Amino acid sequence: MHRLLEFIRRIYVFVIFLLFEGIALYTYASSSPYTEAKILARTTAAGAAISGAVTDVWHFFSLTSENRRLTERIAELTTELTALGGLELSASMVDSLNSNFKYHPAHVVSMTTNRMDNNIIINRGALDGIAKDMGVITPSNELVGYVASCTDHYAVVQSLLNVNFRTGGKLVGSGNVCFISWDAQSKYQVNANDLSVYSEPEVGMAVEVQSERLPEGVLIGYIDDFYINTAQTAYSATINIAAKMGALENVLVVENTRRNEIEELLEQTGK
């Protein structure tokens, strides 16, 4: 009891101050309709600001799951759009509805960009329909690499930034083909070799993938520099990579459902 009285004695001045302050604010707030409206507006604004801050925090922590859902939806829509690509020609309607490309959404588990043989691990594997040599792109249709191997639940993607990486490319506009590789000089650039002397490359020209593993239109990057070899027989070029290789989170694995036919045909041709 003594401690309670001592505590009240210490804070009674502050309690009385708060009491009179509350009475004063109430008297001021109810003194006129204008004052009531002004205080209501301030209170509403403060409440909205607090609610907005709470909402922003909630959205921040839910971004990862939202991005994954968006990637899955992009995969579905991309598959549908690929299938519907040729509908303007009635004769090819059936073929276009049976497009041979299917898209699987995946999330990047881990990756490297500072080695000679950089790889990416994604959270989809054989049980999800993933197989070796499938193409991997960003949701924005930019090349990332190709599946090198997979287990039931995970896959290793050979990145563009890998000295063993190889793929075909072509210049947008002219259609001239080239050979894409990485020389480990920059994590932002790859090399295009064996461009025809008639290709007329230009700085800023887009370069797309040319491979049976991916549909047309997958972007590799843009020409930053080019030169002709000493024999004057072919151009080589440096390509600025379009995909942000150091900031990958969600990707699409592209399946060519008819690739086995192509492989069988190539084997028969080689015999």
Protein backbone atom coordinates (compact mmCIF):
# COMPACT_ATOMS: atom_id res chain seq x y z
CA MET A 1 0.00 0.00 0.00
CA HIS A 2 2.83 2.35 0.88
CA ARG A 3 4.49 1.72 -2.49
CA LEU A 4 1.23 2.40 -4.33
CA LEU A 5 0.77 5.73 -2.54
CA GLU A 6 4.39 6.62 -3.24
CA PHE A 7 3.91 5.82 -6.93
CA ILE A 8 0.74 7.95 -7.12
CA ARG A 9 2.53 10.80 -5.35
CA ARG A 10 5.27 10.74 -7.98
CA ILE A 11 2.99 10.80 -11.02
CA TYR A 12 -0.06 12.70 -9.84
CA VAL A 13 1.14 15.97 -11.38
CA PHE A 14 1.54 14.26 -14.78
CA VAL A 15 -1.88 12.59 -14.47
CA ILE A 16 -3.53 15.92 -13.60
CA PHE A 17 -1.76 17.52 -16.57
CA LEU A 18 -3.09 14.84 -18.94
CA LEU A 19 -6.57 15.23 -17.48
CA PHE A 20 -6.64 19.00 -18.00
CA GLU A 21 -5.05 18.59 -21.44
CA GLY A 22 -7.79 16.15 -22.43
CA ILE A 23 -10.50 18.49 -21.13
CA ALA A 24 -8.95 21.39 -23.06
CA LEU A 25 -8.75 19.39 -26.30
CA TYR A 26 -12.32 18.21 -25.94
CA THR A 27 -13.53 21.75 -25.25
CA TYR A 28 -11.61 23.04 -28.29
CA ALA A 29 -12.80 20.20 -30.53
CA SER A 30 -16.47 20.80 -29.68
CA SER A 31 -16.30 24.57 -29.67
CA SER A 32 -17.55 24.95 -33.28
CA PRO A 33 -18.52 22.87 -36.35
CA TYR A 34 -15.40 24.14 -38.17
CA THR A 35 -13.12 22.89 -35.41
CA GLU A 36 -14.85 19.50 -35.34
CA ALA A 37 -14.48 19.12 -39.12
CA LYS A 38 -10.82 20.14 -39.02
CA ILE A 39 -9.91 17.68 -36.26
CA LEU A 40 -11.88 14.90 -38.00
CA ALA A 41 -9.94 15.54 -41.22
CA ARG A 42 -6.59 15.42 -39.39
CA THR A 43 -7.57 12.23 -37.56
CA THR A 44 -8.69 10.57 -40.79
CA ALA A 45 -5.46 11.54 -42.55
CA ALA A 46 -3.36 10.14 -39.70
CA GLY A 47 -5.32 6.89 -39.71
CA ALA A 48 -4.93 6.59 -43.48
CA ALA A 49 -1.18 7.15 -43.22
CA ILE A 50 -0.82 4.42 -40.58
CA SER A 51 -3.01 2.05 -42.58
CA GLY A 52 -0.96 2.75 -45.73
CA ALA A 53 2.30 2.06 -43.91
CA VAL A 54 0.99 -1.24 -42.57
CA THR A 55 -0.23 -2.20 -46.05
CA ASP A 56 3.16 -1.35 -47.60
CA VAL A 57 4.95 -3.56 -45.06
CA TRP A 58 2.55 -6.41 -45.76
CA HIS A 59 3.04 -6.06 -49.52
CA PHE A 60 6.83 -6.02 -49.11
CA PHE A 61 6.87 -9.35 -47.29
CA SER A 62 4.40 -10.90 -49.76
CA LEU A 63 6.35 -9.90 -52.89
CA THR A 64 8.16 -13.24 -53.19
CA SER A 65 4.98 -15.31 -53.28
CA GLU A 66 3.31 -12.80 -55.60
CA ASN A 67 6.26 -12.94 -58.02
CA ARG A 68 6.07 -16.72 -58.10
CA ARG A 69 2.36 -16.63 -58.84
CA LEU A 70 2.96 -14.09 -61.60
CA THR A 71 5.70 -16.26 -63.13
CA GLU A 72 3.35 -19.25 -63.14
CA ARG A 73 0.68 -17.18 -64.84
CA ILE A 74 3.20 -15.87 -67.39
CA ALA A 75 4.15 -19.47 -68.19
CA GLU A 76 0.50 -20.36 -68.80
CA LEU A 77 -0.16 -17.30 -70.96
CA THR A 78 3.08 -17.71 -72.92
CA THR A 79 2.17 -21.31 -73.75
CA GLU A 80 -1.29 -20.19 -74.87
CA LEU A 81 0.06 -17.28 -76.94
CA THR A 82 2.63 -19.53 -78.59
CA ALA A 83 -0.13 -21.96 -79.48
CA LEU A 84 -2.31 -19.17 -80.91
CA GLY A 85 0.48 -17.50 -82.86
CA GLY A 86 -0.69 -18.38 -86.37
CA LEU A 87 -4.45 -18.07 -86.15
CA GLU A 88 -4.64 -15.34 -88.79
CA LEU A 89 -3.94 -18.03 -91.42
CA SER A 90 -6.88 -20.42 -91.42
CA ALA A 91 -4.90 -23.13 -93.22
CA SER A 92 -2.41 -23.31 -90.35
CA MET A 93 -4.97 -23.05 -87.54
CA VAL A 94 -4.71 -26.67 -86.46
CA ASP A 95 -0.91 -26.62 -86.41
CA SER A 96 -0.80 -23.40 -84.43
CA LEU A 97 -3.16 -24.81 -81.79
CA ASN A 98 -0.78 -27.73 -81.34
CA SER A 99 2.35 -25.68 -80.67
CA ASN A 100 5.35 -27.75 -79.69
CA PHE A 101 6.57 -25.42 -76.92
CA LYS A 102 5.50 -25.69 -73.29
CA TYR A 103 6.58 -23.40 -70.43
CA HIS A 104 7.36 -24.47 -66.85
CA PRO A 105 7.74 -21.79 -64.12
CA ALA A 106 10.66 -22.19 -61.69
CA HIS A 107 12.36 -20.29 -58.90
CA VAL A 108 16.13 -19.75 -58.65
CA VAL A 109 17.47 -21.47 -55.54
CA SER A 110 21.12 -20.44 -55.96
CA MET A 111 23.50 -19.18 -58.62
CA THR A 112 27.00 -17.86 -59.29
CA THR A 113 28.37 -15.21 -61.65
CA ASN A 114 32.02 -14.94 -60.56
CA ARG A 115 33.39 -18.27 -61.81
CA MET A 116 34.50 -19.71 -65.14
CA ASP A 117 31.71 -22.32 -65.11
CA ASN A 118 28.73 -20.53 -63.59
CA ASN A 119 25.55 -22.53 -63.00
CA ILE A 120 22.05 -21.88 -61.67
CA ILE A 121 19.99 -24.24 -59.49
CA ILE A 122 16.20 -24.10 -59.87
CA ASN A 123 13.48 -25.73 -57.76
CA ARG A 124 11.98 -27.87 -60.52
CA GLY A 125 13.14 -31.30 -61.63
CA ALA A 126 12.23 -34.46 -63.52
CA LEU A 127 8.97 -34.94 -61.59
CA ASP A 128 7.92 -31.46 -62.80
CA GLY A 129 8.60 -32.31 -66.45
CA ILE A 130 12.11 -30.81 -66.60
CA ALA A 131 14.76 -32.58 -68.68
CA LYS A 132 18.32 -32.01 -69.86
CA ASP A 133 18.87 -29.49 -72.70
CA MET A 134 15.63 -27.58 -72.15
CA GLY A 135 15.98 -23.85 -72.63
CA VAL A 136 15.69 -21.43 -69.69
CA ILE A 137 14.53 -17.84 -70.13
CA THR A 138 13.35 -14.91 -68.04
CA PRO A 139 9.63 -14.02 -67.86
CA SER A 140 10.59 -11.15 -70.20
CA ASN A 141 11.71 -13.65 -72.90
CA GLU A 142 15.49 -13.24 -72.44
CA LEU A 143 17.93 -16.14 -72.63
CA VAL A 144 19.38 -17.45 -69.33
CA GLY A 145 20.88 -20.81 -70.34
CA TYR A 146 20.10 -24.51 -70.80
CA VAL A 147 19.33 -27.31 -68.35
CA ALA A 148 22.51 -29.34 -67.80
CA SER A 149 21.16 -32.00 -65.43
CA CYS A 150 18.31 -32.62 -63.02
CA THR A 151 17.10 -34.75 -60.13
CA ASP A 152 13.48 -35.41 -59.20
CA HIS A 153 12.99 -31.98 -57.62
CA TYR A 154 15.88 -29.75 -58.78
CA ALA A 155 17.78 -28.89 -61.95
CA VAL A 156 21.16 -27.35 -62.75
CA VAL A 157 21.11 -24.75 -65.51
CA GLN A 158 24.28 -24.04 -67.46
CA SER A 159 24.32 -20.24 -67.45
CA LEU A 160 25.18 -17.94 -70.32
CA LEU A 161 28.14 -17.06 -68.08
CA ASN A 162 29.81 -20.44 -68.50
CA VAL A 163 32.89 -21.03 -70.67
CA ASN A 164 31.31 -24.28 -71.86
CA PHE A 165 28.08 -22.58 -72.95
CA ARG A 166 27.26 -22.76 -76.66
CA THR A 167 24.22 -21.80 -78.70
CA GLY A 168 23.23 -20.42 -82.05
CA GLY A 169 22.16 -16.85 -82.62
CA LYS A 170 20.94 -14.58 -85.38
CA LEU A 171 20.84 -10.87 -86.03
CA VAL A 172 17.35 -9.41 -85.85
CA GLY A 173 16.49 -7.82 -89.15
CA SER A 174 19.12 -9.41 -91.39
CA GLY A 175 18.64 -12.98 -90.16
CA ASN A 176 22.37 -13.73 -90.39
CA VAL A 177 23.41 -16.51 -88.02
CA CYS A 178 26.29 -16.61 -85.54
CA PHE A 179 27.83 -18.77 -82.83
CA ILE A 180 27.36 -17.59 -79.21
CA SER A 181 29.88 -18.33 -76.42
CA TRP A 182 31.40 -16.72 -73.32
CA ASP A 183 35.10 -15.91 -72.85
CA ALA A 184 34.90 -15.11 -69.09
CA GLN A 185 35.99 -11.50 -69.66
CA SER A 186 32.80 -9.84 -68.44
CA LYS A 187 29.69 -11.07 -66.63
CA TYR A 188 27.64 -8.63 -68.69
CA GLN A 189 28.70 -9.71 -72.18
CA VAL A 190 28.95 -12.76 -74.44
CA ASN A 191 30.59 -13.20 -77.83
CA ALA A 192 29.08 -13.76 -81.27
CA ASN A 193 31.42 -15.37 -83.80
CA ASP A 194 31.35 -16.47 -87.45
CA LEU A 195 29.06 -13.71 -88.65
CA SER A 196 28.95 -13.48 -92.43
CA VAL A 197 30.91 -10.66 -94.06
CA TYR A 198 27.59 -9.70 -95.65
CA SER A 199 25.74 -9.47 -92.34
CA GLU A 200 26.45 -5.73 -91.87
CA PRO A 201 26.30 -5.71 -88.04
CA GLU A 202 25.61 -2.44 -86.23
CA VAL A 203 26.03 -1.29 -82.64
CA GLY A 204 22.71 -1.70 -80.84
CA MET A 205 21.43 -4.43 -83.17
CA ALA A 206 19.45 -7.13 -81.34
CA VAL A 207 20.63 -10.74 -81.36
CA GLU A 208 18.16 -13.59 -80.78
CA VAL A 209 18.56 -17.30 -80.13
CA GLN A 210 18.47 -19.71 -83.03
CA SER A 211 17.99 -23.20 -81.60
CA GLU A 212 15.46 -26.00 -81.81
CA ARG A 213 15.30 -25.86 -78.02
CA LEU A 214 13.62 -22.45 -78.00
CA PRO A 215 10.97 -20.65 -80.08
CA GLU A 216 11.80 -17.64 -82.21
CA GLY A 217 12.10 -14.27 -80.52
CA VAL A 218 14.12 -15.18 -77.39
CA LEU A 219 16.53 -12.29 -76.92
CA ILE A 220 20.22 -12.78 -76.15
CA GLY A 221 21.21 -9.12 -76.12
CA TYR A 222 22.45 -6.20 -78.20
CA ILE A 223 25.68 -5.65 -80.14
CA ASP A 224 28.11 -3.47 -78.22
CA ASP A 225 31.11 -3.77 -80.56
CA PHE A 226 32.19 -5.77 -83.61
CA TYR A 227 35.22 -6.34 -85.84
CA ILE A 228 36.20 -8.37 -88.89
CA ASN A 229 38.93 -11.03 -88.69
CA THR A 230 42.34 -10.65 -90.29
CA ALA A 231 41.37 -12.87 -93.21
CA GLN A 232 38.36 -10.63 -93.92
CA THR A 233 36.09 -13.69 -93.95
CA ALA A 234 33.83 -13.19 -90.92
CA TYR A 235 32.77 -10.75 -88.21
CA SER A 236 32.92 -11.24 -84.47
CA ALA A 237 30.87 -9.15 -82.04
CA THR A 238 30.52 -8.42 -78.34
CA ILE A 239 26.94 -8.73 -77.09
CA ASN A 240 25.53 -6.97 -74.02
CA ILE A 241 23.42 -9.61 -72.27
CA ALA A 242 19.74 -8.65 -72.04
CA ALA A 243 18.92 -10.74 -68.94
CA LYS A 244 20.03 -9.42 -65.54
CA MET A 245 22.10 -12.49 -64.75
CA GLY A 246 23.06 -11.35 -61.26
CA ALA A 247 19.48 -10.71 -60.13
CA LEU A 248 17.50 -13.72 -61.34
CA GLU A 249 14.63 -14.88 -59.13
CA ASN A 250 12.00 -16.50 -61.33
CA VAL A 251 12.55 -18.17 -64.71
CA LEU A 252 10.68 -20.20 -67.32
CA VAL A 253 11.93 -23.58 -68.51
CA VAL A 254 10.95 -24.13 -72.15
CA GLU A 255 10.12 -27.63 -73.37
CA ASN A 256 10.07 -28.47 -77.07
CA THR A 257 7.66 -31.40 -77.03
CA ARG A 258 8.85 -32.49 -80.49
CA ARG A 259 12.58 -32.31 -79.87
CA ASN A 260 12.91 -36.10 -79.74
CA GLU A 261 11.79 -36.22 -83.37
CA ILE A 262 14.52 -33.75 -84.31
CA GLU A 263 17.17 -35.74 -82.43
CA GLU A 264 16.08 -38.99 -84.05
CA LEU A 265 16.20 -37.35 -87.47
CA LEU A 266 19.70 -35.99 -86.83
CA GLU A 267 20.89 -39.42 -85.68
CA GLN A 268 19.50 -41.02 -88.83
CA THR A 269 21.16 -38.36 -90.98
CA GLY A 270 24.49 -38.94 -89.25
CA LYS A 271 24.49 -42.69 -89.91
